[in-house]
Amino acid sequence: MSYIEESVAHEELKKALILAGMREIEQKGIVGLSLRRIATKCGVSCAAPYRHFVNKERLVFAIISYVNSQWEILKDSICTAFKDDEKKMLLEICAATVLFWRANNNFRSVIMLDDKFLDAEQIKEKNRITDEICDMVKRTCQNSDKKAFMVKSVLYGAAADQMADINLIKDCLLTILAS
C-alpha cells in the first residue's frame, strides 16, 4: 500500500470511528461510550481506536469537532448567500441550525451532552455553534445579552421539539431580534 493509500485509509477509519462513536453516544450516552464496542462496530481490533485517539476523551473531542465542522459548512454557505443582510443571515443560520440538529439526531445528542461529563476543552468545543450565533446576535442587535440568551433557548427548544413548525420558529426568532 502506498503512503497516499495508507493515509486515506487512516482518515477513513478515523471518520468511521467518529461516526460509530456518535451512534454509541446516541444509544448509550457518554457514560456508556465504549472504545471496544466502537472498534467492534468498525470491524477493527480493540487497539485500533488508540492509534487515532489517545483516549476516550480525545475521541469525544473529535466527535464534537466533527459535528461542528459539518455545521460550519452549512453556516458558511448561508453567510455567502446572505452576506449583504446580517439580520437575514442570522435568522437563516438559526433556522438552519435547528433543521441541522433535527435532521441529524446523533449530532443533536452530541451537542446536548451534559457538561458534567466533559472537560473544559470539550465544553468549549460543544458550545461553539451556539456561541457563534450568540456573538452574531450581539453584533447585530441591541439588548444583545438578553436576546442572545433568548435565541439560544429557542434553538435548543426547537431542536428538541421535532414537531415545531420552522416558520413559527423563524417568527419567534424575528420577534426576539426585532425587540
C-alpha atoms as a PDB file:
ATOM      1  CA  MET A   1       0.000   0.000   0.000  1.00  0.00           C
ATOM      2  CA  SER A   2       1.392   3.397  -0.969  1.00  0.00           C
ATOM      3  CA  TYR A   3       1.809   6.223   1.514  1.00  0.00           C
ATOM      4  CA  ILE A   4      -1.172   8.064  -0.001  1.00  0.00           C
ATOM      5  CA  GLU A   5      -3.402   4.975   0.104  1.00  0.00           C
ATOM      6  CA  GLU A   6      -2.359   4.332   3.688  1.00  0.00           C
ATOM      7  CA  SER A   7      -3.050   7.938   4.604  1.00  0.00           C
ATOM      8  CA  VAL A   8      -6.515   7.821   3.011  1.00  0.00           C
ATOM      9  CA  ALA A   9      -7.294   4.526   4.754  1.00  0.00           C
ATOM     10  CA  HIS A  10      -6.164   6.051   8.067  1.00  0.00           C
ATOM     11  CA  GLU A  11      -8.509   9.042   7.617  1.00  0.00           C
ATOM     12  CA  GLU A  12     -11.410   6.834   6.502  1.00  0.00           C
ATOM     13  CA  LEU A  13     -11.033   4.659   9.590  1.00  0.00           C
ATOM     14  CA  LYS A  14     -10.761   7.728  11.807  1.00  0.00           C
ATOM     15  CA  LYS A  15     -14.025   9.069  10.354  1.00  0.00           C
ATOM     16  CA  ALA A  16     -15.690   5.654  10.763  1.00  0.00           C
ATOM     17  CA  LEU A  17     -14.635   5.603  14.424  1.00  0.00           C
ATOM     18  CA  ILE A  18     -16.019   9.126  14.930  1.00  0.00           C
ATOM     19  CA  LEU A  19     -19.353   8.232  13.310  1.00  0.00           C
ATOM     20  CA  ALA A  20     -19.590   4.989  15.291  1.00  0.00           C
ATOM     21  CA  GLY A  21     -18.772   6.979  18.421  1.00  0.00           C
ATOM     22  CA  MET A  22     -21.631   9.363  17.683  1.00  0.00           C
ATOM     23  CA  ARG A  23     -24.060   6.481  17.313  1.00  0.00           C
ATOM     24  CA  GLU A  24     -22.704   4.993  20.532  1.00  0.00           C
ATOM     25  CA  ILE A  25     -23.305   8.271  22.397  1.00  0.00           C
ATOM     26  CA  GLU A  26     -26.816   8.491  20.974  1.00  0.00           C
ATOM     27  CA  GLN A  27     -27.602   4.922  22.074  1.00  0.00           C
ATOM     28  CA  LYS A  28     -25.649   4.561  25.327  1.00  0.00           C
ATOM     29  CA  GLY A  29     -24.869   8.123  26.416  1.00  0.00           C
ATOM     30  CA  ILE A  30     -21.404   9.432  27.093  1.00  0.00           C
ATOM     31  CA  VAL A  31     -21.028   7.356  30.251  1.00  0.00           C
ATOM     32  CA  GLY A  32     -21.733   4.198  28.243  1.00  0.00           C
ATOM     33  CA  LEU A  33     -19.304   5.111  25.462  1.00  0.00           C
ATOM     34  CA  SER A  34     -17.010   2.144  24.861  1.00  0.00           C
ATOM     35  CA  LEU A  35     -13.974   2.223  22.561  1.00  0.00           C
ATOM     36  CA  ARG A  36     -14.069  -1.571  22.493  1.00  0.00           C
ATOM     37  CA  ARG A  37     -17.657  -1.584  21.155  1.00  0.00           C
ATOM     38  CA  ILE A  38     -16.805   1.156  18.655  1.00  0.00           C
ATOM     39  CA  ALA A  39     -13.840  -0.879  17.393  1.00  0.00           C
ATOM     40  CA  THR A  40     -16.067  -3.953  17.036  1.00  0.00           C
ATOM     41  CA  LYS A  41     -18.674  -1.963  15.092  1.00  0.00           C
ATOM     42  CA  CYS A  42     -15.931  -0.746  12.745  1.00  0.00           C
ATOM     43  CA  GLY A  43     -14.519  -4.244  12.332  1.00  0.00           C
ATOM     44  CA  VAL A  44     -11.095  -3.377  13.730  1.00  0.00           C
ATOM     45  CA  SER A  45      -9.036  -4.505  16.697  1.00  0.00           C
ATOM     46  CA  CYS A  46      -9.612  -3.037  20.147  1.00  0.00           C
ATOM     47  CA  ALA A  47      -6.268  -1.259  19.832  1.00  0.00           C
ATOM     48  CA  ALA A  48      -7.144   0.489  16.536  1.00  0.00           C
ATOM     49  CA  PRO A  49      -9.027   3.440  18.078  1.00  0.00           C
ATOM     50  CA  TYR A  50      -5.960   4.243  20.181  1.00  0.00           C
ATOM     51  CA  ARG A  51      -3.907   4.778  17.003  1.00  0.00           C
ATOM     52  CA  HIS A  52      -6.240   7.670  16.191  1.00  0.00           C
ATOM     53  CA  PHE A  53      -7.224   8.927  19.650  1.00  0.00           C
ATOM     54  CA  VAL A  54      -5.065   8.790  22.763  1.00  0.00           C
ATOM     55  CA  ASN A  55      -8.087   8.077  24.954  1.00  0.00           C
ATOM     56  CA  LYS A  56     -11.867   8.244  25.142  1.00  0.00           C
ATOM     57  CA  GLU A  57     -11.772  11.982  25.917  1.00  0.00           C
ATOM     58  CA  ARG A  58      -9.887  12.724  22.680  1.00  0.00           C
ATOM     59  CA  LEU A  59     -12.433  10.660  20.725  1.00  0.00           C
ATOM     60  CA  VAL A  60     -15.263  12.665  22.321  1.00  0.00           C
ATOM     61  CA  PHE A  61     -13.479  15.892  21.390  1.00  0.00           C
ATOM     62  CA  ALA A  62     -13.041  14.630  17.810  1.00  0.00           C
ATOM     63  CA  ILE A  63     -16.748  13.732  17.654  1.00  0.00           C
ATOM     64  CA  ILE A  64     -17.779  17.202  18.828  1.00  0.00           C
ATOM     65  CA  SER A  65     -15.331  18.803  16.378  1.00  0.00           C
ATOM     66  CA  TYR A  66     -16.722  16.693  13.537  1.00  0.00           C
ATOM     67  CA  VAL A  67     -20.275  17.849  14.281  1.00  0.00           C
ATOM     68  CA  ASN A  68     -19.081  21.452  14.372  1.00  0.00           C
ATOM     69  CA  SER A  69     -17.189  21.087  11.093  1.00  0.00           C
ATOM     70  CA  GLN A  70     -20.347  19.820   9.382  1.00  0.00           C
ATOM     71  CA  TRP A  71     -22.290  22.788  10.759  1.00  0.00           C
ATOM     72  CA  GLU A  72     -19.543  25.192   9.611  1.00  0.00           C
ATOM     73  CA  ILE A  73     -20.051  24.052   6.010  1.00  0.00           C
ATOM     74  CA  LEU A  74     -23.745  24.878   6.266  1.00  0.00           C
ATOM     75  CA  LYS A  75     -23.128  28.186   8.066  1.00  0.00           C
ATOM     76  CA  ASP A  76     -20.539  29.308   5.524  1.00  0.00           C
ATOM     77  CA  SER A  77     -22.924  28.720   2.618  1.00  0.00           C
ATOM     78  CA  ILE A  78     -25.605  30.788   4.380  1.00  0.00           C
ATOM     79  CA  CYS A  79     -23.123  33.568   5.138  1.00  0.00           C
ATOM     80  CA  THR A  80     -22.205  33.703   1.456  1.00  0.00           C
ATOM     81  CA  ALA A  81     -25.832  33.736   0.326  1.00  0.00           C
ATOM     82  CA  PHE A  82     -26.902  36.489   2.752  1.00  0.00           C
ATOM     83  CA  LYS A  83     -23.680  38.494   3.072  1.00  0.00           C
ATOM     84  CA  ASP A  84     -25.485  41.809   2.432  1.00  0.00           C
ATOM     85  CA  ASP A  85     -28.182  41.362   5.096  1.00  0.00           C
ATOM     86  CA  GLU A  86     -26.789  40.434   8.502  1.00  0.00           C
ATOM     87  CA  LYS A  87     -30.174  40.037  10.236  1.00  0.00           C
ATOM     88  CA  LYS A  88     -31.494  37.783   7.464  1.00  0.00           C
ATOM     89  CA  MET A  89     -28.213  35.841   7.624  1.00  0.00           C
ATOM     90  CA  LEU A  90     -28.624  35.418  11.381  1.00  0.00           C
ATOM     91  CA  LEU A  91     -32.232  34.281  11.013  1.00  0.00           C
ATOM     92  CA  GLU A  92     -31.336  31.756   8.298  1.00  0.00           C
ATOM     93  CA  ILE A  93     -28.381  30.430  10.313  1.00  0.00           C
ATOM     94  CA  CYS A  94     -30.637  29.949  13.344  1.00  0.00           C
ATOM     95  CA  ALA A  95     -33.298  28.144  11.293  1.00  0.00           C
ATOM     96  CA  ALA A  96     -30.659  26.030   9.551  1.00  0.00           C
ATOM     97  CA  THR A  97     -29.128  25.117  12.912  1.00  0.00           C
ATOM     98  CA  VAL A  98     -32.468  23.800  14.163  1.00  0.00           C
ATOM     99  CA  LEU A  99     -33.016  21.831  10.948  1.00  0.00           C
ATOM    100  CA  PHE A 100     -29.413  20.570  11.086  1.00  0.00           C
ATOM    101  CA  TRP A 101     -29.854  19.241  14.627  1.00  0.00           C
ATOM    102  CA  ARG A 102     -33.248  17.742  13.811  1.00  0.00           C
ATOM    103  CA  ALA A 103     -32.015  16.013  10.661  1.00  0.00           C
ATOM    104  CA  ASN A 104     -29.025  14.572  12.493  1.00  0.00           C
ATOM    105  CA  ASN A 105     -30.223  13.042  15.754  1.00  0.00           C
ATOM    106  CA  ASN A 106     -26.758  11.722  16.502  1.00  0.00           C
ATOM    107  CA  PHE A 107     -25.330  15.246  16.090  1.00  0.00           C
ATOM    108  CA  ARG A 108     -28.002  16.651  18.407  1.00  0.00           C
ATOM    109  CA  SER A 109     -27.247  14.027  21.052  1.00  0.00           C
ATOM    110  CA  VAL A 110     -23.587  15.124  20.975  1.00  0.00           C
ATOM    111  CA  ILE A 111     -24.381  18.845  21.198  1.00  0.00           C
ATOM    112  CA  MET A 112     -26.827  18.205  24.066  1.00  0.00           C
ATOM    113  CA  LEU A 113     -24.274  16.294  26.171  1.00  0.00           C
ATOM    114  CA  ASP A 114     -24.312  17.158  29.858  1.00  0.00           C
ATOM    115  CA  ASP A 115     -21.304  19.336  30.689  1.00  0.00           C
ATOM    116  CA  LYS A 116     -20.626  17.417  33.912  1.00  0.00           C
ATOM    117  CA  PHE A 117     -19.277  14.544  31.793  1.00  0.00           C
ATOM    118  CA  LEU A 118     -16.965  16.769  29.724  1.00  0.00           C
ATOM    119  CA  ASP A 119     -13.680  18.531  30.327  1.00  0.00           C
ATOM    120  CA  ALA A 120     -13.249  22.283  29.742  1.00  0.00           C
ATOM    121  CA  GLU A 121     -11.907  21.850  26.200  1.00  0.00           C
ATOM    122  CA  GLN A 122     -14.814  19.587  25.216  1.00  0.00           C
ATOM    123  CA  ILE A 123     -17.347  22.021  26.718  1.00  0.00           C
ATOM    124  CA  LYS A 124     -15.859  24.931  24.801  1.00  0.00           C
ATOM    125  CA  GLU A 125     -15.971  22.976  21.537  1.00  0.00           C
ATOM    126  CA  LYS A 126     -19.506  21.705  22.240  1.00  0.00           C
ATOM    127  CA  ASN A 127     -20.755  25.264  22.772  1.00  0.00           C
ATOM    128  CA  ARG A 128     -19.035  26.676  19.680  1.00  0.00           C
ATOM    129  CA  ILE A 129     -22.158  26.636  17.464  1.00  0.00           C
ATOM    130  CA  THR A 130     -24.415  28.500  19.860  1.00  0.00           C
ATOM    131  CA  ASP A 131     -21.572  30.773  20.996  1.00  0.00           C
ATOM    132  CA  GLU A 132     -21.021  31.847  17.374  1.00  0.00           C
ATOM    133  CA  ILE A 133     -24.728  32.503  16.939  1.00  0.00           C
ATOM    134  CA  CYS A 134     -24.826  34.471  20.206  1.00  0.00           C
ATOM    135  CA  ASP A 135     -21.846  36.520  19.029  1.00  0.00           C
ATOM    136  CA  MET A 136     -23.754  37.295  15.800  1.00  0.00           C
ATOM    137  CA  VAL A 137     -26.782  38.370  17.851  1.00  0.00           C
ATOM    138  CA  LYS A 138     -24.570  40.652  19.939  1.00  0.00           C
ATOM    139  CA  ARG A 139     -23.052  42.230  16.812  1.00  0.00           C
ATOM    140  CA  THR A 140     -26.443  42.711  15.188  1.00  0.00           C
ATOM    141  CA  CYS A 141     -28.822  43.731  17.989  1.00  0.00           C
ATOM    142  CA  GLN A 142     -29.321  45.996  20.990  1.00  0.00           C
ATOM    143  CA  ASN A 143     -30.022  44.392  24.395  1.00  0.00           C
ATOM    144  CA  SER A 144     -27.828  41.710  22.961  1.00  0.00           C
ATOM    145  CA  ASP A 145     -27.060  39.592  26.054  1.00  0.00           C
ATOM    146  CA  LYS A 146     -30.747  39.080  26.760  1.00  0.00           C
ATOM    147  CA  LYS A 147     -31.503  38.441  23.078  1.00  0.00           C
ATOM    148  CA  ALA A 148     -28.590  36.034  22.757  1.00  0.00           C
ATOM    149  CA  PHE A 149     -29.911  34.038  25.708  1.00  0.00           C
ATOM    150  CA  MET A 150     -33.424  34.007  24.230  1.00  0.00           C
ATOM    151  CA  VAL A 151     -32.187  32.933  20.785  1.00  0.00           C
ATOM    152  CA  LYS A 152     -30.107  30.150  22.335  1.00  0.00           C
ATOM    153  CA  SER A 153     -33.155  28.970  24.300  1.00  0.00           C
ATOM    154  CA  VAL A 154     -35.300  28.902  21.154  1.00  0.00           C
ATOM    155  CA  LEU A 155     -32.632  26.955  19.256  1.00  0.00           C
ATOM    156  CA  TYR A 156     -32.305  24.247  21.896  1.00  0.00           C
ATOM    157  CA  GLY A 157     -36.054  24.033  22.456  1.00  0.00           C
ATOM    158  CA  ALA A 158     -36.872  23.893  18.748  1.00  0.00           C
ATOM    159  CA  ALA A 159     -34.198  21.291  18.084  1.00  0.00           C
ATOM    160  CA  ALA A 160     -35.665  19.056  20.781  1.00  0.00           C
ATOM    161  CA  ASP A 161     -39.246  19.537  19.519  1.00  0.00           C
ATOM    162  CA  GLN A 162     -39.370  17.651  16.233  1.00  0.00           C
ATOM    163  CA  MET A 163     -42.936  18.845  15.600  1.00  0.00           C
ATOM    164  CA  ALA A 164     -42.449  22.613  15.901  1.00  0.00           C
ATOM    165  CA  ASP A 165     -43.019  24.367  12.584  1.00  0.00           C
ATOM    166  CA  ILE A 166     -39.858  26.018  11.242  1.00  0.00           C
ATOM    167  CA  ASN A 167     -41.838  29.089  10.097  1.00  0.00           C
ATOM    168  CA  LEU A 168     -43.193  29.523  13.625  1.00  0.00           C
ATOM    169  CA  ILE A 169     -39.635  29.247  14.930  1.00  0.00           C
ATOM    170  CA  LYS A 170     -38.471  31.880  12.422  1.00  0.00           C
ATOM    171  CA  ASP A 171     -41.319  34.170  13.527  1.00  0.00           C
ATOM    172  CA  CYS A 172     -40.296  33.724  17.151  1.00  0.00           C
ATOM    173  CA  LEU A 173     -36.667  34.498  16.299  1.00  0.00           C
ATOM    174  CA  LEU A 174     -37.724  37.557  14.253  1.00  0.00           C
ATOM    175  CA  THR A 175     -39.695  38.836  17.236  1.00  0.00           C
ATOM    176  CA  ILE A 176     -36.687  38.399  19.503  1.00  0.00           C
ATOM    177  CA  LEU A 177     -34.304  40.080  17.076  1.00  0.00           C
ATOM    178  CA  ALA A 178     -36.664  42.985  16.375  1.00  0.00           C
ATOM    179  CA  SER A 179     -37.498  43.729  20.016  1.00  0.00           C
END
